[in-house]
PDB file of all heavy atoms in Angstrom:
ATOM      1  N   ASP A   1       0.813  -1.220   0.000  1.00  0.00           N
ATOM      2  CA  ASP A   1       0.000   0.000   0.000  1.00  0.00           C
ATOM      3  C   ASP A   1       0.845   1.269   0.000  1.00  0.00           C
ATOM      4  O   ASP A   1       0.324   2.365   0.189  1.00  0.00           O
ATOM      5  CB  ASP A   1      -0.958   0.003   1.191  1.00  0.00           C
ATOM      6  CG  ASP A   1      -0.242  -0.084   2.535  1.00  0.00           C
ATOM      7  OD1 ASP A   1       1.004  -0.201   2.538  1.00  0.00           O
ATOM      8  OD2 ASP A   1      -0.926  -0.049   3.583  1.00  0.00           O
ATOM      9  N   ASP A   2       2.148   1.123  -0.217  1.00  0.00           N
ATOM     10  CA  ASP A   2       3.052   2.274  -0.279  1.00  0.00           C
ATOM     11  C   ASP A   2       3.281   2.641  -1.743  1.00  0.00           C
ATOM     12  O   ASP A   2       3.975   1.923  -2.469  1.00  0.00           O
ATOM     13  CB  ASP A   2       4.376   1.931   0.392  1.00  0.00           C
ATOM     14  CG  ASP A   2       5.344   3.115   0.428  1.00  0.00           C
ATOM     15  OD1 ASP A   2       5.086   4.116  -0.259  1.00  0.00           O
ATOM     16  OD2 ASP A   2       6.359   3.025   1.133  1.00  0.00           O
ATOM     17  N   PRO A   3       2.707   3.743  -2.212  1.00  0.00           N
ATOM     18  CA  PRO A   3       2.795   4.072  -3.644  1.00  0.00           C
ATOM     19  C   PRO A   3       4.204   4.437  -4.110  1.00  0.00           C
ATOM     20  O   PRO A   3       4.480   4.428  -5.305  1.00  0.00           O
ATOM     21  CB  PRO A   3       1.851   5.271  -3.795  1.00  0.00           C
ATOM     22  CG  PRO A   3       1.795   5.888  -2.435  1.00  0.00           C
ATOM     23  CD  PRO A   3       1.918   4.740  -1.463  1.00  0.00           C
ATOM     24  N   THR A   4       5.109   4.747  -3.170  1.00  0.00           N
ATOM     25  CA  THR A   4       6.472   5.109  -3.572  1.00  0.00           C
ATOM     26  C   THR A   4       7.436   3.927  -3.505  1.00  0.00           C
ATOM     27  O   THR A   4       8.601   4.058  -3.889  1.00  0.00           O
ATOM     28  CB  THR A   4       7.011   6.255  -2.703  1.00  0.00           C
ATOM     29  OG1 THR A   4       7.082   5.828  -1.344  1.00  0.00           O
ATOM     30  CG2 THR A   4       6.119   7.479  -2.804  1.00  0.00           C
ATOM     31  N   ALA A   5       6.983   2.779  -3.000  1.00  0.00           N
ATOM     32  CA  ALA A   5       7.839   1.596  -2.966  1.00  0.00           C
ATOM     33  C   ALA A   5       7.958   1.026  -4.379  1.00  0.00           C
ATOM     34  O   ALA A   5       6.970   0.907  -5.107  1.00  0.00           O
ATOM     35  CB  ALA A   5       7.267   0.547  -2.021  1.00  0.00           C
ATOM     36  N   VAL A   6       9.180   0.665  -4.762  1.00  0.00           N
ATOM     37  CA  VAL A   6       9.428   0.165  -6.119  1.00  0.00           C
ATOM     38  C   VAL A   6       9.340  -1.348  -6.170  1.00  0.00           C
ATOM     39  O   VAL A   6       8.828  -1.919  -7.131  1.00  0.00           O
ATOM     40  CB  VAL A   6      10.808   0.636  -6.613  1.00  0.00           C
ATOM     41  CG1 VAL A   6      11.092   0.126  -8.019  1.00  0.00           C
ATOM     42  CG2 VAL A   6      10.881   2.165  -6.582  1.00  0.00           C
ATOM     43  N   VAL A   7       9.862  -2.016  -5.125  1.00  0.00           N
ATOM     44  CA  VAL A   7       9.801  -3.478  -5.077  1.00  0.00           C
ATOM     45  C   VAL A   7       9.125  -3.902  -3.785  1.00  0.00           C
ATOM     46  O   VAL A   7       9.086  -3.156  -2.797  1.00  0.00           O
ATOM     47  CB  VAL A   7      11.205  -4.118  -5.177  1.00  0.00           C
ATOM     48  CG1 VAL A   7      11.892  -3.708  -6.469  1.00  0.00           C
ATOM     49  CG2 VAL A   7      12.077  -3.766  -3.972  1.00  0.00           C
ATOM     50  N   ASP A   8       8.605  -5.132  -3.797  1.00  0.00           N
ATOM     51  CA  ASP A   8       7.983  -5.666  -2.584  1.00  0.00           C
ATOM     52  C   ASP A   8       9.012  -6.453  -1.781  1.00  0.00           C
ATOM     53  O   ASP A   8      10.205  -6.445  -2.087  1.00  0.00           O
ATOM     54  CB  ASP A   8       6.763  -6.517  -2.943  1.00  0.00           C
ATOM     55  CG  ASP A   8       7.123  -7.741  -3.795  1.00  0.00           C
ATOM     56  OD1 ASP A   8       8.316  -8.116  -3.868  1.00  0.00           O
ATOM     57  OD2 ASP A   8       6.200  -8.339  -4.385  1.00  0.00           O
ATOM     58  N   GLY A   9       8.570  -7.146  -0.762  1.00  0.00           N
ATOM     59  CA  GLY A   9       9.479  -7.879   0.096  1.00  0.00           C
ATOM     60  C   GLY A   9      10.169  -9.048  -0.572  1.00  0.00           C
ATOM     61  O   GLY A   9      11.152  -9.578  -0.045  1.00  0.00           O
ATOM     62  N   GLU A  10       9.682  -9.446  -1.738  1.00  0.00           N
ATOM     63  CA  GLU A  10      10.346 -10.493  -2.521  1.00  0.00           C
ATOM     64  C   GLU A  10      11.208  -9.889  -3.628  1.00  0.00           C
ATOM     65  O   GLU A  10      11.681 -10.600  -4.501  1.00  0.00           O
ATOM     66  CB  GLU A  10       9.312 -11.454  -3.110  1.00  0.00           C
ATOM     67  CG  GLU A  10       8.573 -12.267  -2.049  1.00  0.00           C
ATOM     68  CD  GLU A  10       7.626 -13.287  -2.662  1.00  0.00           C
ATOM     69  OE1 GLU A  10       7.162 -13.060  -3.808  1.00  0.00           O
ATOM     70  OE2 GLU A  10       7.383 -14.308  -2.009  1.00  0.00           O
ATOM     71  N   LEU A  11      11.367  -8.569  -3.592  1.00  0.00           N
ATOM     72  CA  LEU A  11      12.196  -7.813  -4.532  1.00  0.00           C
ATOM     73  C   LEU A  11      11.605  -7.743  -5.930  1.00  0.00           C
ATOM     74  O   LEU A  11      12.304  -7.382  -6.883  1.00  0.00           O
ATOM     75  CB  LEU A  11      13.630  -8.370  -4.577  1.00  0.00           C
ATOM     76  CG  LEU A  11      14.330  -8.521  -3.229  1.00  0.00           C
ATOM     77  CD1 LEU A  11      15.768  -9.003  -3.424  1.00  0.00           C
ATOM     78  CD2 LEU A  11      14.304  -7.224  -2.443  1.00  0.00           C
ATOM     79  N   LYS A  12      10.338  -8.071  -6.065  1.00  0.00           N
ATOM     80  CA  LYS A  12       9.663  -7.998  -7.362  1.00  0.00           C
ATOM     81  C   LYS A  12       9.254  -6.559  -7.655  1.00  0.00           C
ATOM     82  O   LYS A  12       8.707  -5.867  -6.789  1.00  0.00           O
ATOM     83  CB  LYS A  12       8.420  -8.886  -7.367  1.00  0.00           C
ATOM     84  CG  LYS A  12       8.726 -10.381  -7.233  1.00  0.00           C
ATOM     85  CD  LYS A  12       7.440 -11.202  -7.207  1.00  0.00           C
ATOM     86  CE  LYS A  12       7.732 -12.691  -7.099  1.00  0.00           C
ATOM     87  NZ  LYS A  12       6.483 -13.482  -7.028  1.00  0.00           N
ATOM     88  N   VAL A  13       9.493  -6.116  -8.873  1.00  0.00           N
ATOM     89  CA  VAL A  13       9.140  -4.766  -9.284  1.00  0.00           C
ATOM     90  C   VAL A  13       7.634  -4.677  -9.483  1.00  0.00           C
ATOM     91  O   VAL A  13       7.028  -5.514 -10.169  1.00  0.00           O
ATOM     92  CB  VAL A  13       9.874  -4.373 -10.572  1.00  0.00           C
ATOM     93  CG1 VAL A  13       9.427  -2.994 -11.060  1.00  0.00           C
ATOM     94  CG2 VAL A  13      11.386  -4.386 -10.348  1.00  0.00           C
ATOM     95  N   ARG A  14       7.038  -3.673  -8.906  1.00  0.00           N
ATOM     96  CA  ARG A  14       5.587  -3.519  -8.998  1.00  0.00           C
ATOM     97  C   ARG A  14       5.178  -3.171 -10.434  1.00  0.00           C
ATOM     98  O   ARG A  14       5.789  -2.315 -11.069  1.00  0.00           O
ATOM     99  CB  ARG A  14       5.115  -2.424  -8.055  1.00  0.00           C
ATOM    100  CG  ARG A  14       5.516  -2.701  -6.603  1.00  0.00           C
ATOM    101  CD  ARG A  14       4.874  -1.725  -5.650  1.00  0.00           C
ATOM    102  NE  ARG A  14       5.384  -1.894  -4.299  1.00  0.00           N
ATOM    103  CZ  ARG A  14       5.036  -2.863  -3.464  1.00  0.00           C
ATOM    104  NH1 ARG A  14       4.169  -3.787  -3.853  1.00  0.00           N
ATOM    105  NH2 ARG A  14       5.546  -2.923  -2.240  1.00  0.00           N
ATOM    106  N   GLY A  15       4.171  -3.861 -10.921  1.00  0.00           N
ATOM    107  CA  GLY A  15       3.614  -3.547 -12.226  1.00  0.00           C
ATOM    108  C   GLY A  15       4.307  -4.220 -13.392  1.00  0.00           C
ATOM    109  O   GLY A  15       3.855  -4.077 -14.535  1.00  0.00           O
ATOM    110  N   VAL A  16       5.391  -4.949 -13.152  1.00  0.00           N
ATOM    111  CA  VAL A  16       6.098  -5.657 -14.221  1.00  0.00           C
ATOM    112  C   VAL A  16       6.424  -7.062 -13.731  1.00  0.00           C
ATOM    113  O   VAL A  16       7.152  -7.228 -12.747  1.00  0.00           O
ATOM    114  CB  VAL A  16       7.400  -4.943 -14.636  1.00  0.00           C
ATOM    115  CG1 VAL A  16       8.067  -5.690 -15.790  1.00  0.00           C
ATOM    116  CG2 VAL A  16       7.126  -3.499 -15.027  1.00  0.00           C
ATOM    117  N   ASP A  17       5.897  -8.077 -14.387  1.00  0.00           N
ATOM    118  CA  ASP A  17       6.199  -9.450 -14.005  1.00  0.00           C
ATOM    119  C   ASP A  17       7.602  -9.835 -14.467  1.00  0.00           C
ATOM    120  O   ASP A  17       8.146  -9.263 -15.413  1.00  0.00           O
ATOM    121  CB  ASP A  17       5.180 -10.417 -14.624  1.00  0.00           C
ATOM    122  CG  ASP A  17       3.771 -10.228 -14.084  1.00  0.00           C
ATOM    123  OD1 ASP A  17       3.653  -9.789 -12.920  1.00  0.00           O
ATOM    124  OD2 ASP A  17       2.805 -10.505 -14.824  1.00  0.00           O
ATOM    125  N   GLY A  18       8.179 -10.827 -13.795  1.00  0.00           N
ATOM    126  CA  GLY A  18       9.465 -11.365 -14.222  1.00  0.00           C
ATOM    127  C   GLY A  18      10.641 -10.425 -14.041  1.00  0.00           C
ATOM    128  O   GLY A  18      11.667 -10.589 -14.700  1.00  0.00           O
ATOM    129  N   LEU A  19      10.525  -9.458 -13.122  1.00  0.00           N
ATOM    130  CA  LEU A  19      11.580  -8.457 -12.934  1.00  0.00           C
ATOM    131  C   LEU A  19      11.798  -8.222 -11.445  1.00  0.00           C
ATOM    132  O   LEU A  19      10.850  -7.950 -10.704  1.00  0.00           O
ATOM    133  CB  LEU A  19      11.199  -7.148 -13.618  1.00  0.00           C
ATOM    134  CG  LEU A  19      12.203  -5.992 -13.561  1.00  0.00           C
ATOM    135  CD1 LEU A  19      13.510  -6.366 -14.242  1.00  0.00           C
ATOM    136  CD2 LEU A  19      11.612  -4.731 -14.193  1.00  0.00           C
ATOM    137  N   ARG A  20      13.045  -8.359 -11.017  1.00  0.00           N
ATOM    138  CA  ARG A  20      13.401  -8.080  -9.625  1.00  0.00           C
ATOM    139  C   ARG A  20      14.650  -7.203  -9.571  1.00  0.00           C
ATOM    140  O   ARG A  20      15.430  -7.149 -10.519  1.00  0.00           O
ATOM    141  CB  ARG A  20      13.686  -9.368  -8.841  1.00  0.00           C
ATOM    142  CG  ARG A  20      12.531 -10.323  -8.768  1.00  0.00           C
ATOM    143  CD  ARG A  20      12.767 -11.401  -7.744  1.00  0.00           C
ATOM    144  NE  ARG A  20      12.046 -12.613  -8.090  1.00  0.00           N
ATOM    145  CZ  ARG A  20      11.452 -13.431  -7.241  1.00  0.00           C
ATOM    146  NH1 ARG A  20      11.475 -13.154  -5.956  1.00  0.00           N
ATOM    147  NH2 ARG A  20      10.840 -14.527  -7.649  1.00  0.00           N
ATOM    148  N   VAL A  21      14.833  -6.560  -8.413  1.00  0.00           N
ATOM    149  CA  VAL A  21      16.036  -5.783  -8.143  1.00  0.00           C
ATOM    150  C   VAL A  21      16.771  -6.479  -7.004  1.00  0.00           C
ATOM    151  O   VAL A  21      16.147  -6.879  -6.007  1.00  0.00           O
ATOM    152  CB  VAL A  21      15.707  -4.334  -7.761  1.00  0.00           C
ATOM    153  CG1 VAL A  21      16.986  -3.536  -7.537  1.00  0.00           C
ATOM    154  CG2 VAL A  21      14.864  -3.682  -8.850  1.00  0.00           C
ATOM    155  N   ILE A  22      18.098  -6.645  -7.125  1.00  0.00           N
ATOM    156  CA  ILE A  22      18.818  -7.470  -6.158  1.00  0.00           C
ATOM    157  C   ILE A  22      20.055  -6.768  -5.586  1.00  0.00           C
ATOM    158  O   ILE A  22      20.976  -7.436  -5.115  1.00  0.00           O
ATOM    159  CB  ILE A  22      19.226  -8.821  -6.783  1.00  0.00           C
ATOM    160  CG1 ILE A  22      20.168  -8.610  -7.985  1.00  0.00           C
ATOM    161  CG2 ILE A  22      17.994  -9.611  -7.206  1.00  0.00           C
ATOM    162  CD1 ILE A  22      20.821  -9.895  -8.468  1.00  0.00           C
ATOM    163  N   ASP A  23      20.110  -5.447  -5.617  1.00  0.00           N
ATOM    164  CA  ASP A  23      21.289  -4.747  -5.098  1.00  0.00           C
ATOM    165  C   ASP A  23      20.900  -3.756  -4.002  1.00  0.00           C
ATOM    166  O   ASP A  23      19.764  -3.738  -3.537  1.00  0.00           O
ATOM    167  CB  ASP A  23      22.068  -4.077  -6.234  1.00  0.00           C
ATOM    168  CG  ASP A  23      21.249  -3.027  -6.975  1.00  0.00           C
ATOM    169  OD1 ASP A  23      20.259  -2.515  -6.415  1.00  0.00           O
ATOM    170  OD2 ASP A  23      21.593  -2.711  -8.128  1.00  0.00           O
ATOM    171  N   CYS A  24      21.845  -2.903  -3.598  1.00  0.00           N
ATOM    172  CA  CYS A  24      21.619  -1.991  -2.471  1.00  0.00           C
ATOM    173  C   CYS A  24      20.579  -0.922  -2.751  1.00  0.00           C
ATOM    174  O   CYS A  24      20.162  -0.212  -1.822  1.00  0.00           O
ATOM    175  CB  CYS A  24      22.935  -1.332  -2.063  1.00  0.00           C
ATOM    176  SG  CYS A  24      24.089  -2.431  -1.222  1.00  0.00           S
TER     177      CYS A  24
END
């Protein structure tokens, strides 16, 4: 529910499937 968060707790990018961020 945080509109400024880019990834969730599983590092998945919101709004795009198959994409994660894994760095600092």
